[in-house]
C-alpha atoms as a PDB file:
ATOM      1  CA  MET A   1     -19.113  -2.255 -11.407  1.00  0.00           C
ATOM      2  CA  LEU A   2     -18.427  -5.670 -11.825  1.00  0.00           C
ATOM      3  CA  GLY A   3     -22.309  -6.137 -12.647  1.00  0.00           C
ATOM      4  CA  LEU A   4     -21.816  -3.114 -15.097  1.00  0.00           C
ATOM      5  CA  ALA A   5     -18.626  -5.286 -16.549  1.00  0.00           C
ATOM      6  CA  LYS A   6     -20.536  -8.108 -17.113  1.00  0.00           C
ATOM      7  CA  ARG A   7     -23.418  -6.428 -18.798  1.00  0.00           C
ATOM      8  CA  ILE A   8     -21.199  -4.339 -21.293  1.00  0.00           C
ATOM      9  CA  GLY A   9     -18.479  -7.370 -21.799  1.00  0.00           C
ATOM     10  CA  ALA A  10     -15.750  -4.794 -20.200  1.00  0.00           C
ATOM     11  CA  ARG A  11     -12.368  -5.840 -19.081  1.00  0.00           C
ATOM     12  CA  PHE A  12     -12.927  -5.087 -15.271  1.00  0.00           C
ATOM     13  CA  LEU A  13      -9.810  -3.824 -13.575  1.00  0.00           C
ATOM     14  CA  ILE A  14      -9.272  -3.932  -9.567  1.00  0.00           C
ATOM     15  CA  THR A  15      -6.650  -1.892  -7.564  1.00  0.00           C
ATOM     16  CA  SER A  16      -6.236  -3.678  -4.530  1.00  0.00           C
ATOM     17  CA  THR A  17      -2.556  -3.242  -2.255  1.00  0.00           C
ATOM     18  CA  SER A  18      -0.182  -4.825  -0.396  1.00  0.00           C
ATOM     19  CA  GLU A  19      -1.977  -4.382   2.410  1.00  0.00           C
ATOM     20  CA  VAL A  20      -3.633  -7.565   1.585  1.00  0.00           C
ATOM     21  CA  TYR A  21      -0.711  -9.836   2.988  1.00  0.00           C
ATOM     22  CA  GLY A  22      -0.805  -8.190   6.458  1.00  0.00           C
ATOM     23  CA  ASP A  23       2.458  -8.080   8.427  1.00  0.00           C
ATOM     24  CA  PRO A  24       4.021 -10.179   5.871  1.00  0.00           C
ATOM     25  CA  LEU A  25       6.646 -13.230   6.972  1.00  0.00           C
ATOM     26  CA  GLU A  26       7.807 -13.561   3.064  1.00  0.00           C
ATOM     27  CA  HIS A  27       9.676 -10.642   1.783  1.00  0.00           C
ATOM     28  CA  PRO A  28       9.153  -9.897  -1.105  1.00  0.00           C
ATOM     29  CA  GLN A  29       5.809 -11.364  -1.495  1.00  0.00           C
ATOM     30  CA  LYS A  30       4.956 -13.503  -4.239  1.00  0.00           C
ATOM     31  CA  GLU A  31       1.366 -13.258  -6.036  1.00  0.00           C
ATOM     32  CA  THR A  32       0.844 -17.124  -4.369  1.00  0.00           C
ATOM     33  CA  TYR A  33       1.559 -15.871  -0.805  1.00  0.00           C
ATOM     34  CA  TRP A  34      -1.873 -15.778   0.647  1.00  0.00           C
ATOM     35  CA  GLY A  35      -0.314 -13.491   4.042  1.00  0.00           C
ATOM     36  CA  HIS A  36      -0.028 -13.245   7.219  1.00  0.00           C
ATOM     37  CA  VAL A  37      -3.088 -11.067   8.559  1.00  0.00           C
ATOM     38  CA  ASN A  38      -5.231  -9.955  11.714  1.00  0.00           C
ATOM     39  CA  PRO A  39      -8.447  -9.805  10.516  1.00  0.00           C
ATOM     40  CA  ILE A  40      -9.676  -7.656  13.673  1.00  0.00           C
ATOM     41  CA  GLY A  41      -6.529  -5.242  14.112  1.00  0.00           C
ATOM     42  CA  VAL A  42      -6.843  -1.653  14.266  1.00  0.00           C
ATOM     43  CA  ARG A  43      -6.193  -1.204  10.675  1.00  0.00           C
ATOM     44  CA  SER A  44      -7.577  -4.357   9.022  1.00  0.00           C
ATOM     45  CA  CYS A  45     -10.640  -2.723   7.719  1.00  0.00           C
ATOM     46  CA  TYR A  46      -8.757  -1.690   4.698  1.00  0.00           C
ATOM     47  CA  ASP A  47      -6.903  -5.027   4.606  1.00  0.00           C
ATOM     48  CA  GLU A  48     -10.304  -6.560   4.798  1.00  0.00           C
ATOM     49  CA  GLY A  49     -11.966  -4.802   2.625  1.00  0.00           C
ATOM     50  CA  LYS A  50      -9.813  -5.240  -0.237  1.00  0.00           C
ATOM     51  CA  ARG A  51      -9.230  -8.854   0.541  1.00  0.00           C
ATOM     52  CA  THR A  52     -13.084  -8.789   0.224  1.00  0.00           C
ATOM     53  CA  ALA A  53     -12.828  -6.537  -3.216  1.00  0.00           C
ATOM     54  CA  GLU A  54     -10.436  -9.464  -5.106  1.00  0.00           C
ATOM     55  CA  THR A  55     -12.612 -11.676  -3.887  1.00  0.00           C
ATOM     56  CA  LEU A  56     -15.670 -10.637  -5.513  1.00  0.00           C
ATOM     57  CA  THR A  57     -13.450  -9.953  -8.580  1.00  0.00           C
ATOM     58  CA  MET A  58     -12.405 -13.419  -8.635  1.00  0.00           C
ATOM     59  CA  ASP A  59     -16.351 -14.576  -8.344  1.00  0.00           C
ATOM     60  CA  TYR A  60     -17.503 -12.870 -10.706  1.00  0.00           C
ATOM     61  CA  HIS A  61     -14.446 -14.297 -13.210  1.00  0.00           C
ATOM     62  CA  ARG A  62     -15.264 -17.439 -12.481  1.00  0.00           C
ATOM     63  CA  GLY A  63     -19.470 -17.563 -12.376  1.00  0.00           C
ATOM     64  CA  ALA A  64     -20.113 -14.975 -14.723  1.00  0.00           C
ATOM     65  CA  GLY A  65     -17.105 -14.774 -17.100  1.00  0.00           C
ATOM     66  CA  VAL A  66     -16.227 -11.457 -16.209  1.00  0.00           C
ATOM     67  CA  GLU A  67     -12.644 -10.832 -18.009  1.00  0.00           C
ATOM     68  CA  VAL A  68     -10.792  -9.045 -14.801  1.00  0.00           C
ATOM     69  CA  ARG A  69      -7.562  -7.944 -13.774  1.00  0.00           C
ATOM     70  CA  ILE A  70      -6.377  -7.483 -10.271  1.00  0.00           C
ATOM     71  CA  ALA A  71      -3.286  -5.360  -9.484  1.00  0.00           C
ATOM     72  CA  GLN A  72      -1.746  -5.168  -5.845  1.00  0.00           C
ATOM     73  CA  ILE A  73      -0.170  -1.861  -5.712  1.00  0.00           C
ATOM     74  CA  PHE A  74       2.858  -1.472  -3.474  1.00  0.00           C
ATOM     75  CA  ASN A  75       3.572   2.481  -2.126  1.00  0.00           C
ATOM     76  CA  THR A  76       3.979   4.617  -4.869  1.00  0.00           C
ATOM     77  CA  TYR A  77       5.988   8.274  -5.117  1.00  0.00           C
ATOM     78  CA  GLY A  78       6.381  10.612  -7.916  1.00  0.00           C
ATOM     79  CA  PRO A  79       4.530  13.978  -9.195  1.00  0.00           C
ATOM     80  CA  ARG A  80       1.435  15.573  -8.101  1.00  0.00           C
ATOM     81  CA  MET A  81       1.845  13.813  -4.560  1.00  0.00           C
ATOM     82  CA  CYS A  82      -0.279  15.644  -2.214  1.00  0.00           C
ATOM     83  CA  LEU A  83       1.918  16.678   0.536  1.00  0.00           C
ATOM     84  CA  ASP A  84      -0.180  16.219   2.980  1.00  0.00           C
ATOM     85  CA  ASP A  85      -1.872  12.376   2.366  1.00  0.00           C
ATOM     86  CA  GLY A  86      -0.419  10.689   5.282  1.00  0.00           C
ATOM     87  CA  ARG A  87       1.989   8.429   2.931  1.00  0.00           C
ATOM     88  CA  VAL A  88       5.645   7.967   4.322  1.00  0.00           C
ATOM     89  CA  VAL A  89       7.240   9.943   1.273  1.00  0.00           C
ATOM     90  CA  SER A  90       4.628  12.814   1.593  1.00  0.00           C
ATOM     91  CA  ASN A  91       5.312  13.021   4.656  1.00  0.00           C
ATOM     92  CA  PHE A  92       9.172  12.931   4.656  1.00  0.00           C
ATOM     93  CA  VAL A  93       9.223  15.521   1.844  1.00  0.00           C
ATOM     94  CA  SER A  94       6.774  17.966   3.540  1.00  0.00           C
ATOM     95  CA  GLN A  95       8.661  17.606   6.738  1.00  0.00           C
ATOM     96  CA  ALA A  96      12.367  18.424   5.257  1.00  0.00           C
ATOM     97  CA  ILE A  97      10.384  21.243   2.942  1.00  0.00           C
ATOM     98  CA  ARG A  98       8.603  23.071   6.010  1.00  0.00           C
ATOM     99  CA  LYS A  99      12.144  22.627   8.041  1.00  0.00           C
ATOM    100  CA  GLN A 100      10.742  20.148  10.092  1.00  0.00           C
ATOM    101  CA  PRO A 101      12.528  16.979  11.811  1.00  0.00           C
ATOM    102  CA  LEU A 102      11.824  14.028   9.787  1.00  0.00           C
ATOM    103  CA  THR A 103       9.325  11.618  12.083  1.00  0.00           C
ATOM    104  CA  VAL A 104      10.448   8.065  12.195  1.00  0.00           C
ATOM    105  CA  TYR A 105       7.962   5.743  14.215  1.00  0.00           C
ATOM    106  CA  GLY A 106       9.510   2.769  15.811  1.00  0.00           C
ATOM    107  CA  ASP A 107      13.295   1.802  15.241  1.00  0.00           C
ATOM    108  CA  GLY A 108      12.888   2.794  11.789  1.00  0.00           C
ATOM    109  CA  LYS A 109      14.191  -0.634  10.650  1.00  0.00           C
ATOM    110  CA  GLN A 110      10.658  -1.598   9.201  1.00  0.00           C
ATOM    111  CA  THR A 111      10.524  -2.214   5.242  1.00  0.00           C
ATOM    112  CA  ARG A 112       8.462  -0.726   2.297  1.00  0.00           C
ATOM    113  CA  SER A 113       8.529  -1.387  -1.548  1.00  0.00           C
ATOM    114  CA  PHE A 114       8.560   1.998  -3.210  1.00  0.00           C
ATOM    115  CA  GLN A 115       7.794   2.732  -7.047  1.00  0.00           C
ATOM    116  CA  TYR A 116       7.864   5.577  -9.408  1.00  0.00           C
ATOM    117  CA  VAL A 117       4.010   6.249 -10.351  1.00  0.00           C
ATOM    118  CA  SER A 118       5.249   6.482 -14.156  1.00  0.00           C
ATOM    119  CA  ASP A 119       6.074   2.571 -13.636  1.00  0.00           C
ATOM    120  CA  LEU A 120       2.953   1.791 -11.825  1.00  0.00           C
ATOM    121  CA  VAL A 121       1.170   3.088 -14.896  1.00  0.00           C
ATOM    122  CA  ASP A 122       3.666   1.270 -17.609  1.00  0.00           C
ATOM    123  CA  GLY A 123       2.437  -1.800 -15.109  1.00  0.00           C
ATOM    124  CA  LEU A 124      -0.794  -1.067 -14.965  1.00  0.00           C
ATOM    125  CA  MET A 125      -1.167  -0.594 -19.159  1.00  0.00           C
ATOM    126  CA  ALA A 126       0.956  -3.863 -19.135  1.00  0.00           C
ATOM    127  CA  LEU A 127      -1.455  -5.824 -17.133  1.00  0.00           C
ATOM    128  CA  MET A 128      -4.542  -4.774 -18.795  1.00  0.00           C
ATOM    129  CA  GLU A 129      -3.289  -5.377 -22.467  1.00  0.00           C
ATOM    130  CA  GLY A 130      -2.098  -8.957 -21.226  1.00  0.00           C
ATOM    131  CA  GLU A 131      -3.688 -12.345 -20.547  1.00  0.00           C
ATOM    132  CA  HIS A 132      -2.687 -12.562 -16.654  1.00  0.00           C
ATOM    133  CA  VAL A 133      -5.874 -12.432 -14.262  1.00  0.00           C
ATOM    134  CA  GLY A 134      -3.769 -11.921 -11.337  1.00  0.00           C
ATOM    135  CA  PRO A 135      -3.538 -10.939  -8.578  1.00  0.00           C
ATOM    136  CA  PHE A 136      -0.223  -9.110  -9.751  1.00  0.00           C
ATOM    137  CA  ASN A 137       2.063  -7.012  -7.515  1.00  0.00           C
ATOM    138  CA  LEU A 138       3.300  -3.897  -9.018  1.00  0.00           C
ATOM    139  CA  GLY A 139       5.892  -2.656  -6.999  1.00  0.00           C
ATOM    140  CA  ASN A 140       9.540  -3.109  -6.546  1.00  0.00           C
ATOM    141  CA  PRO A 141      11.453  -6.336  -5.321  1.00  0.00           C
ATOM    142  CA  GLY A 142      13.516  -4.099  -3.306  1.00  0.00           C
ATOM    143  CA  GLU A 143      12.770  -2.612   0.029  1.00  0.00           C
ATOM    144  CA  PHE A 144      14.342   0.206   1.848  1.00  0.00           C
ATOM    145  CA  THR A 145      13.991   0.833   5.812  1.00  0.00           C
ATOM    146  CA  MET A 146      12.158   3.722   6.778  1.00  0.00           C
ATOM    147  CA  ILE A 147      15.702   4.870   8.173  1.00  0.00           C
ATOM    148  CA  GLU A 148      17.203   4.559   4.564  1.00  0.00           C
ATOM    149  CA  LEU A 149      14.041   6.655   3.165  1.00  0.00           C
ATOM    150  CA  ALA A 150      14.533   8.945   5.786  1.00  0.00           C
ATOM    151  CA  GLU A 151      18.093   9.160   4.661  1.00  0.00           C
ATOM    152  CA  VAL A 152      17.253   9.617   0.811  1.00  0.00           C
ATOM    153  CA  VAL A 153      14.978  12.890   1.355  1.00  0.00           C
ATOM    154  CA  LYS A 154      17.831  14.051   3.869  1.00  0.00           C
ATOM    155  CA  GLU A 155      20.572  14.344   1.386  1.00  0.00           C
ATOM    156  CA  THR A 156      17.835  15.075  -1.207  1.00  0.00           C
ATOM    157  CA  ILE A 157      16.175  18.140   0.041  1.00  0.00           C
ATOM    158  CA  ASP A 158      17.803  19.568   3.021  1.00  0.00           C
ATOM    159  CA  SER A 159      20.766  18.053   4.230  1.00  0.00           C
ATOM    160  CA  SER A 160      20.748  19.697   7.193  1.00  0.00           C
ATOM    161  CA  ALA A 161      16.947  17.984   8.600  1.00  0.00           C
ATOM    162  CA  THR A 162      17.156  15.660  11.655  1.00  0.00           C
ATOM    163  CA  ILE A 163      15.647  12.583  11.628  1.00  0.00           C
ATOM    164  CA  GLU A 164      13.291  12.412  15.439  1.00  0.00           C
ATOM    165  CA  PHE A 165      11.963   8.661  16.228  1.00  0.00           C
ATOM    166  CA  ARG A 166       8.979   8.225  18.005  1.00  0.00           C
ATOM    167  CA  PRO A 167       7.169   5.533  19.583  1.00  0.00           C
ATOM    168  CA  ASN A 168       4.756   3.459  17.138  1.00  0.00           C
ATOM    169  CA  THR A 169       1.293   4.811  17.159  1.00  0.00           C
ATOM    170  CA  LEU A 170      -0.996   3.297  19.908  1.00  0.00           C
ATOM    171  CA  MET A 171      -4.542   3.847  18.961  1.00  0.00           C
ATOM    172  CA  ILE A 172      -6.921   2.951  22.134  1.00  0.00           C
ATOM    173  CA  LEU A 173     -10.684   2.313  22.033  1.00  0.00           C
ATOM    174  CA  ILE A 174     -12.387   3.740  25.070  1.00  0.00           C
ATOM    175  CA  ARG A 175     -16.678   3.342  25.606  1.00  0.00           C
ATOM    176  CA  GLY A 176     -17.559   5.508  28.507  1.00  0.00           C
ATOM    177  CA  ASN A 177     -14.390   5.307  31.097  1.00  0.00           C
ATOM    178  CA  GLN A 178     -13.781   1.532  30.204  1.00  0.00           C
ATOM    179  CA  ILE A 179     -11.037   0.672  28.129  1.00  0.00           C
ATOM    180  CA  LEU A 180     -11.802  -1.727  25.214  1.00  0.00           C
ATOM    181  CA  ALA A 181      -8.638  -2.039  23.150  1.00  0.00           C
ATOM    182  CA  LYS A 182      -5.280  -0.387  22.761  1.00  0.00           C
END
């Protein structure tokens, strides 16, 4: 896509993610923050893939003169979300609708930034129409704990819903009968 943008002189938008910051030591993250990352962690393929895409985008910008914009998108919610897409807002909403306990992993004190989908679209449009290359964070500077989010969903959808705490998920890599990683 970067090669095509170069050939036809198009402005190129890469939609990246807040995950490029890893497990940040800074809240909220500024675009100048480089992150606190684990390049070999269980979920690192996603984070590293997005960082690589940002790097290639900037290489085309600096080396080939491609006009680019980099958006690092934080958690987005709104109409037409798939109930089973695996994100925390849709998980809580689908559990409440199905009269299931809202599942909070760990102690529920981990925080996330949430933005409404129309705010994201407005931000992307402004980024594309402006001169700022990026990266540019598109999110909300206010963060909510998972417990706070679960309470909002509970109050909004079903006040009788319960909140169930479970241990953080653990992935185990096994080859043959040998445990390689936990």
